[in-house]
Amino acid sequence: MAVRKVLCVDDANADLINLEKIVTGAGLTALTAMSGKAALAKAKDDKPDLIFLDINMPDMDGFTVMRELKRDPDIKDIPVVLITSKSQKADKMWAQMQGARGYVTKPYTADQILEQIRSF
């Protein structure tokens, strides 16, 4: 699958802008959302090829967003890469159990994000 459209989700504006710059710098379309609820709506409306999703968000955490994505037959197959400051092995294992296809810890480099995009 060629990734052309990426949904970037983070409640921290600086992190969201940084991620968006990396994605658009790679020549891809970047969609953005600053909450879990907004992410679900954008995923349903815009059907991105990939979602970069923060875990720690105030309205709905990334794990809950992933479970909601997986319940919807129209968007359940969109791969999700979690981006988080959580670096414990248990966090990564839980992410995989929830269906995450990738896991990047903050602070990340542009190369780490681009490597994730290329893997799909």
N, C-alpha and C. Protein backbone atom coordinates (compact mmCIF):
# COMPACT_ATOMS: atom_id res chain seq x y z
N MET A 1 0.83 -1.18 0.00
CA MET A 1 0.00 0.00 0.00
C MET A 1 0.88 1.24 0.00
N ALA A 2 0.59 2.15 -0.87
CA ALA A 2 1.33 3.41 -0.91
C ALA A 2 0.65 4.41 0.02
N VAL A 3 1.43 4.98 0.90
CA VAL A 3 0.90 5.98 1.82
C VAL A 3 0.95 7.34 1.14
N ARG A 4 -0.22 7.97 1.04
CA ARG A 4 -0.31 9.31 0.44
C ARG A 4 -0.91 10.33 1.40
N LYS A 5 -1.80 9.84 2.28
CA LYS A 5 -2.53 10.72 3.19
C LYS A 5 -2.35 10.20 4.61
N VAL A 6 -1.85 11.09 5.49
CA VAL A 6 -1.54 10.70 6.86
C VAL A 6 -2.30 11.58 7.84
N LEU A 7 -2.97 10.96 8.79
CA LEU A 7 -3.63 11.69 9.86
C LEU A 7 -2.69 11.75 11.05
N CYS A 8 -2.36 12.97 11.47
CA CYS A 8 -1.46 13.20 12.60
C CYS A 8 -2.31 13.68 13.77
N VAL A 9 -2.20 12.99 14.92
CA VAL A 9 -3.05 13.31 16.07
C VAL A 9 -2.18 13.54 17.30
N ASP A 10 -2.28 14.74 17.86
CA ASP A 10 -1.55 15.06 19.09
C ASP A 10 -2.23 16.27 19.71
N ASP A 11 -2.40 16.28 21.02
CA ASP A 11 -3.02 17.42 21.69
C ASP A 11 -2.03 18.54 21.95
N ALA A 12 -0.74 18.29 21.79
CA ALA A 12 0.29 19.33 21.96
C ALA A 12 0.55 19.97 20.60
N ASN A 13 0.24 21.24 20.48
CA ASN A 13 0.33 21.94 19.20
C ASN A 13 1.73 21.87 18.60
N ALA A 14 2.77 22.05 19.40
CA ALA A 14 4.14 22.02 18.88
C ALA A 14 4.47 20.65 18.29
N ASP A 15 4.07 19.59 18.97
CA ASP A 15 4.32 18.24 18.47
C ASP A 15 3.53 17.98 17.19
N LEU A 16 2.31 18.48 17.15
CA LEU A 16 1.47 18.30 15.96
C LEU A 16 2.07 19.01 14.76
N ILE A 17 2.52 20.24 14.96
CA ILE A 17 3.13 21.00 13.86
C ILE A 17 4.39 20.32 13.37
N ASN A 18 5.21 19.82 14.29
CA ASN A 18 6.44 19.13 13.92
C ASN A 18 6.14 17.89 13.08
N LEU A 19 5.20 17.10 13.51
CA LEU A 19 4.82 15.89 12.78
C LEU A 19 4.26 16.23 11.41
N GLU A 20 3.42 17.25 11.36
CA GLU A 20 2.84 17.69 10.09
C GLU A 20 3.93 18.13 9.10
N LYS A 21 4.93 18.85 9.60
CA LYS A 21 6.04 19.30 8.74
C LYS A 21 6.82 18.12 8.16
N ILE A 22 7.05 17.12 8.98
CA ILE A 22 7.78 15.93 8.50
C ILE A 22 6.98 15.24 7.41
N VAL A 23 5.69 15.07 7.63
CA VAL A 23 4.83 14.37 6.66
C VAL A 23 4.73 15.16 5.35
N THR A 24 4.46 16.46 5.45
CA THR A 24 4.33 17.26 4.22
C THR A 24 5.68 17.41 3.53
N GLY A 25 6.76 17.44 4.31
CA GLY A 25 8.10 17.51 3.73
C GLY A 25 8.44 16.28 2.90
N ALA A 26 7.75 15.18 3.18
CA ALA A 26 7.95 13.94 2.42
C ALA A 26 7.03 13.91 1.19
N GLY A 27 6.30 15.01 0.95
CA GLY A 27 5.42 15.07 -0.21
C GLY A 27 4.07 14.42 -0.01
N LEU A 28 3.70 14.20 1.24
CA LEU A 28 2.42 13.56 1.54
C LEU A 28 1.41 14.58 2.05
N THR A 29 0.15 14.23 1.99
CA THR A 29 -0.90 15.06 2.54
C THR A 29 -1.02 14.77 4.02
N ALA A 30 -0.99 15.82 4.83
CA ALA A 30 -1.13 15.67 6.28
C ALA A 30 -2.47 16.23 6.72
N LEU A 31 -3.22 15.41 7.42
CA LEU A 31 -4.44 15.83 8.08
C LEU A 31 -4.11 15.91 9.56
N THR A 32 -4.76 16.81 10.29
CA THR A 32 -4.43 16.92 11.71
C THR A 32 -5.68 16.91 12.58
N ALA A 33 -5.47 16.44 13.81
CA ALA A 33 -6.51 16.45 14.82
C ALA A 33 -5.82 16.61 16.17
N MET A 34 -6.49 17.35 17.07
CA MET A 34 -5.89 17.60 18.39
C MET A 34 -6.61 16.86 19.52
N SER A 35 -7.49 15.94 19.16
CA SER A 35 -8.17 15.16 20.19
C SER A 35 -8.56 13.81 19.61
N GLY A 36 -8.86 12.89 20.50
CA GLY A 36 -9.28 11.57 20.07
C GLY A 36 -10.58 11.60 19.29
N LYS A 37 -11.54 12.38 19.76
CA LYS A 37 -12.83 12.48 19.08
C LYS A 37 -12.67 13.07 17.68
N ALA A 38 -11.85 14.11 17.57
CA ALA A 38 -11.61 14.72 16.26
C ALA A 38 -10.89 13.73 15.34
N ALA A 39 -9.99 12.94 15.90
CA ALA A 39 -9.27 11.94 15.10
C ALA A 39 -10.22 10.91 14.51
N LEU A 40 -11.16 10.44 15.32
CA LEU A 40 -12.13 9.45 14.83
C LEU A 40 -12.98 10.05 13.71
N ALA A 41 -13.41 11.28 13.88
CA ALA A 41 -14.22 11.93 12.85
C ALA A 41 -13.44 12.10 11.55
N LYS A 42 -12.17 12.55 11.66
CA LYS A 42 -11.35 12.73 10.45
C LYS A 42 -11.07 11.39 9.78
N ALA A 43 -10.83 10.37 10.57
CA ALA A 43 -10.56 9.05 9.99
C ALA A 43 -11.77 8.58 9.18
N LYS A 44 -12.96 8.76 9.74
CA LYS A 44 -14.19 8.35 9.05
C LYS A 44 -14.43 9.17 7.79
N ASP A 45 -14.20 10.49 7.89
CA ASP A 45 -14.49 11.38 6.76
C ASP A 45 -13.45 11.30 5.65
N ASP A 46 -12.17 11.24 6.04
CA ASP A 46 -11.08 11.38 5.07
C ASP A 46 -10.36 10.09 4.71
N LYS A 47 -10.58 9.02 5.45
CA LYS A 47 -9.97 7.71 5.18
C LYS A 47 -8.46 7.82 4.87
N PRO A 48 -7.66 8.23 5.87
CA PRO A 48 -6.22 8.31 5.64
C PRO A 48 -5.60 6.93 5.42
N ASP A 49 -4.41 6.92 4.84
CA ASP A 49 -3.69 5.67 4.60
C ASP A 49 -2.93 5.22 5.85
N LEU A 50 -2.68 6.15 6.78
CA LEU A 50 -1.90 5.88 7.98
C LEU A 50 -2.28 6.91 9.03
N ILE A 51 -2.24 6.50 10.30
CA ILE A 51 -2.51 7.42 11.41
C ILE A 51 -1.34 7.39 12.39
N PHE A 52 -0.78 8.58 12.67
CA PHE A 52 0.17 8.74 13.77
C PHE A 52 -0.64 9.26 14.94
N LEU A 53 -0.63 8.53 16.06
CA LEU A 53 -1.54 8.81 17.16
C LEU A 53 -0.81 8.92 18.49
N ASP A 54 -0.98 10.06 19.14
CA ASP A 54 -0.46 10.25 20.49
C ASP A 54 -1.28 9.39 21.46
N ILE A 55 -0.67 8.94 22.53
CA ILE A 55 -1.40 8.15 23.53
C ILE A 55 -2.04 9.06 24.58
N ASN A 56 -1.26 9.98 25.13
CA ASN A 56 -1.75 10.82 26.23
C ASN A 56 -2.49 12.04 25.69
N MET A 57 -3.81 11.95 25.72
CA MET A 57 -4.66 13.07 25.31
C MET A 57 -5.78 13.19 26.33
N PRO A 58 -6.27 14.40 26.56
CA PRO A 58 -7.23 14.60 27.64
C PRO A 58 -8.63 14.01 27.41
N ASP A 59 -9.18 14.09 26.23
CA ASP A 59 -10.57 13.66 26.05
C ASP A 59 -10.72 12.16 25.85
N MET A 60 -9.77 11.58 25.15
CA MET A 60 -9.81 10.15 24.85
C MET A 60 -8.38 9.73 24.54
N ASP A 61 -7.83 8.80 25.30
CA ASP A 61 -6.43 8.43 25.05
C ASP A 61 -6.29 7.62 23.76
N GLY A 62 -5.06 7.51 23.31
CA GLY A 62 -4.79 6.83 22.05
C GLY A 62 -5.24 5.38 22.02
N PHE A 63 -5.16 4.69 23.14
CA PHE A 63 -5.60 3.30 23.18
C PHE A 63 -7.11 3.20 22.94
N THR A 64 -7.86 4.12 23.54
CA THR A 64 -9.31 4.14 23.34
C THR A 64 -9.64 4.47 21.89
N VAL A 65 -8.92 5.42 21.32
CA VAL A 65 -9.12 5.77 19.91
C VAL A 65 -8.89 4.55 19.03
N MET A 66 -7.81 3.82 19.30
CA MET A 66 -7.52 2.63 18.50
C MET A 66 -8.63 1.59 18.61
N ARG A 67 -9.15 1.39 19.80
CA ARG A 67 -10.24 0.41 19.97
C ARG A 67 -11.47 0.85 19.18
N GLU A 68 -11.76 2.15 19.19
CA GLU A 68 -12.90 2.67 18.43
C GLU A 68 -12.68 2.51 16.92
N LEU A 69 -11.47 2.77 16.48
CA LEU A 69 -11.13 2.59 15.05
C LEU A 69 -11.38 1.14 14.64
N LYS A 70 -10.94 0.22 15.47
CA LYS A 70 -11.04 -1.21 15.13
C LYS A 70 -12.48 -1.72 15.14
N ARG A 71 -13.38 -1.00 15.82
CA ARG A 71 -14.79 -1.40 15.86
C ARG A 71 -15.56 -0.97 14.62
N ASP A 72 -15.00 -0.03 13.87
CA ASP A 72 -15.72 0.52 12.72
C ASP A 72 -15.24 -0.18 11.44
N PRO A 73 -16.09 -0.91 10.75
CA PRO A 73 -15.66 -1.67 9.58
C PRO A 73 -15.10 -0.80 8.44
N ASP A 74 -15.49 0.47 8.39
CA ASP A 74 -15.01 1.35 7.32
C ASP A 74 -13.58 1.83 7.54
N ILE A 75 -13.11 1.83 8.78
CA ILE A 75 -11.78 2.39 9.06
C ILE A 75 -10.89 1.43 9.87
N LYS A 76 -11.35 0.23 10.10
CA LYS A 76 -10.63 -0.69 10.98
C LYS A 76 -9.28 -1.14 10.42
N ASP A 77 -9.09 -1.04 9.12
CA ASP A 77 -7.85 -1.51 8.53
C ASP A 77 -6.79 -0.43 8.36
N ILE A 78 -7.08 0.80 8.77
CA ILE A 78 -6.08 1.86 8.68
C ILE A 78 -4.99 1.58 9.70
N PRO A 79 -3.74 1.46 9.26
CA PRO A 79 -2.66 1.20 10.22
C PRO A 79 -2.44 2.41 11.14
N VAL A 80 -2.16 2.11 12.40
CA VAL A 80 -1.92 3.13 13.41
C VAL A 80 -0.52 2.96 13.98
N VAL A 81 0.22 4.07 14.02
CA VAL A 81 1.52 4.12 14.68
C VAL A 81 1.37 5.04 15.88
N LEU A 82 1.63 4.52 17.06
CA LEU A 82 1.54 5.33 18.26
C LEU A 82 2.82 6.13 18.45
N ILE A 83 2.63 7.39 18.83
CA ILE A 83 3.76 8.27 19.13
C ILE A 83 3.55 8.76 20.55
N THR A 84 4.53 8.48 21.40
CA THR A 84 4.32 8.74 22.83
C THR A 84 5.62 8.91 23.59
N SER A 85 5.50 9.48 24.77
CA SER A 85 6.65 9.56 25.67
C SER A 85 6.76 8.29 26.51
N LYS A 86 5.78 7.40 26.42
CA LYS A 86 5.80 6.14 27.18
C LYS A 86 6.80 5.18 26.52
N SER A 87 7.84 4.86 27.25
CA SER A 87 8.89 4.03 26.64
C SER A 87 9.09 2.68 27.33
N GLN A 88 8.20 2.33 28.23
CA GLN A 88 8.33 1.05 28.92
C GLN A 88 7.94 -0.11 27.99
N LYS A 89 8.57 -1.25 28.20
CA LYS A 89 8.27 -2.43 27.39
C LYS A 89 6.79 -2.81 27.51
N ALA A 90 6.22 -2.67 28.69
CA ALA A 90 4.80 -3.00 28.89
C ALA A 90 3.90 -2.11 28.03
N ASP A 91 4.27 -0.84 27.88
CA ASP A 91 3.48 0.08 27.05
C ASP A 91 3.50 -0.38 25.59
N LYS A 92 4.66 -0.77 25.12
CA LYS A 92 4.78 -1.23 23.73
C LYS A 92 3.99 -2.52 23.50
N MET A 93 4.07 -3.41 24.48
CA MET A 93 3.32 -4.67 24.35
C MET A 93 1.82 -4.41 24.34
N TRP A 94 1.36 -3.51 25.22
CA TRP A 94 -0.06 -3.17 25.28
C TRP A 94 -0.51 -2.54 23.95
N ALA A 95 0.35 -1.70 23.39
CA ALA A 95 0.04 -1.07 22.11
C ALA A 95 -0.14 -2.13 21.02
N GLN A 96 0.73 -3.10 20.97
CA GLN A 96 0.61 -4.18 19.98
C GLN A 96 -0.67 -4.96 20.21
N MET A 97 -1.00 -5.22 21.47
CA MET A 97 -2.21 -5.97 21.78
C MET A 97 -3.46 -5.19 21.34
N GLN A 98 -3.38 -3.87 21.35
CA GLN A 98 -4.50 -3.04 20.95
C GLN A 98 -4.58 -2.88 19.43
N GLY A 99 -3.55 -3.34 18.72
CA GLY A 99 -3.58 -3.29 17.26
C GLY A 99 -2.64 -2.30 16.62
N ALA A 100 -1.78 -1.65 17.41
CA ALA A 100 -0.82 -0.70 16.82
C ALA A 100 0.13 -1.43 15.89
N ARG A 101 0.41 -0.81 14.76
CA ARG A 101 1.32 -1.41 13.79
C ARG A 101 2.73 -0.84 13.91
N GLY A 102 2.89 0.17 14.76
CA GLY A 102 4.19 0.77 14.99
C GLY A 102 4.16 1.56 16.29
N TYR A 103 5.36 1.90 16.78
CA TYR A 103 5.48 2.59 18.07
C TYR A 103 6.73 3.45 18.03
N VAL A 104 6.57 4.75 18.23
CA VAL A 104 7.70 5.68 18.21
C VAL A 104 7.66 6.47 19.51
N THR A 105 8.81 6.55 20.19
CA THR A 105 8.85 7.31 21.44
C THR A 105 9.37 8.72 21.19
N LYS A 106 8.80 9.66 21.95
CA LYS A 106 9.24 11.06 21.90
C LYS A 106 10.45 11.21 22.79
N PRO A 107 11.37 12.06 22.45
CA PRO A 107 11.44 12.82 21.21
C PRO A 107 11.89 11.92 20.06
N TYR A 108 11.31 12.12 18.92
CA TYR A 108 11.63 11.31 17.74
C TYR A 108 12.35 12.17 16.71
N THR A 109 12.92 11.49 15.74
CA THR A 109 13.58 12.20 14.65
C THR A 109 12.71 12.08 13.39
N ALA A 110 12.96 12.95 12.45
CA ALA A 110 12.23 12.87 11.17
C ALA A 110 12.48 11.51 10.52
N ASP A 111 13.69 11.01 10.63
CA ASP A 111 14.01 9.71 10.03
C ASP A 111 13.16 8.59 10.62
N GLN A 112 12.89 8.64 11.92
CA GLN A 112 12.06 7.60 12.55
C GLN A 112 10.63 7.65 12.00
N ILE A 113 10.12 8.85 11.79
CA ILE A 113 8.76 8.99 11.25
C ILE A 113 8.74 8.52 9.79
N LEU A 114 9.72 8.92 9.02
CA LEU A 114 9.76 8.52 7.61
C LEU A 114 9.95 7.01 7.46
N GLU A 115 10.70 6.41 8.36
CA GLU A 115 10.89 4.95 8.34
C GLU A 115 9.54 4.25 8.57
N GLN A 116 8.75 4.77 9.50
CA GLN A 116 7.43 4.20 9.74
C GLN A 116 6.55 4.31 8.50
N ILE A 117 6.59 5.46 7.86
CA ILE A 117 5.76 5.66 6.64
C ILE A 117 6.18 4.67 5.55
N ARG A 118 7.48 4.53 5.36
CA ARG A 118 7.99 3.62 4.32
C ARG A 118 7.65 2.16 4.59
N SER A 119 7.38 1.82 5.84
CA SER A 119 7.12 0.41 6.17
C SER A 119 5.72 -0.04 5.77
N PHE A 120 4.88 0.88 5.27
CA PHE A 120 3.52 0.51 4.88
C PHE A 120 3.32 0.59 3.39
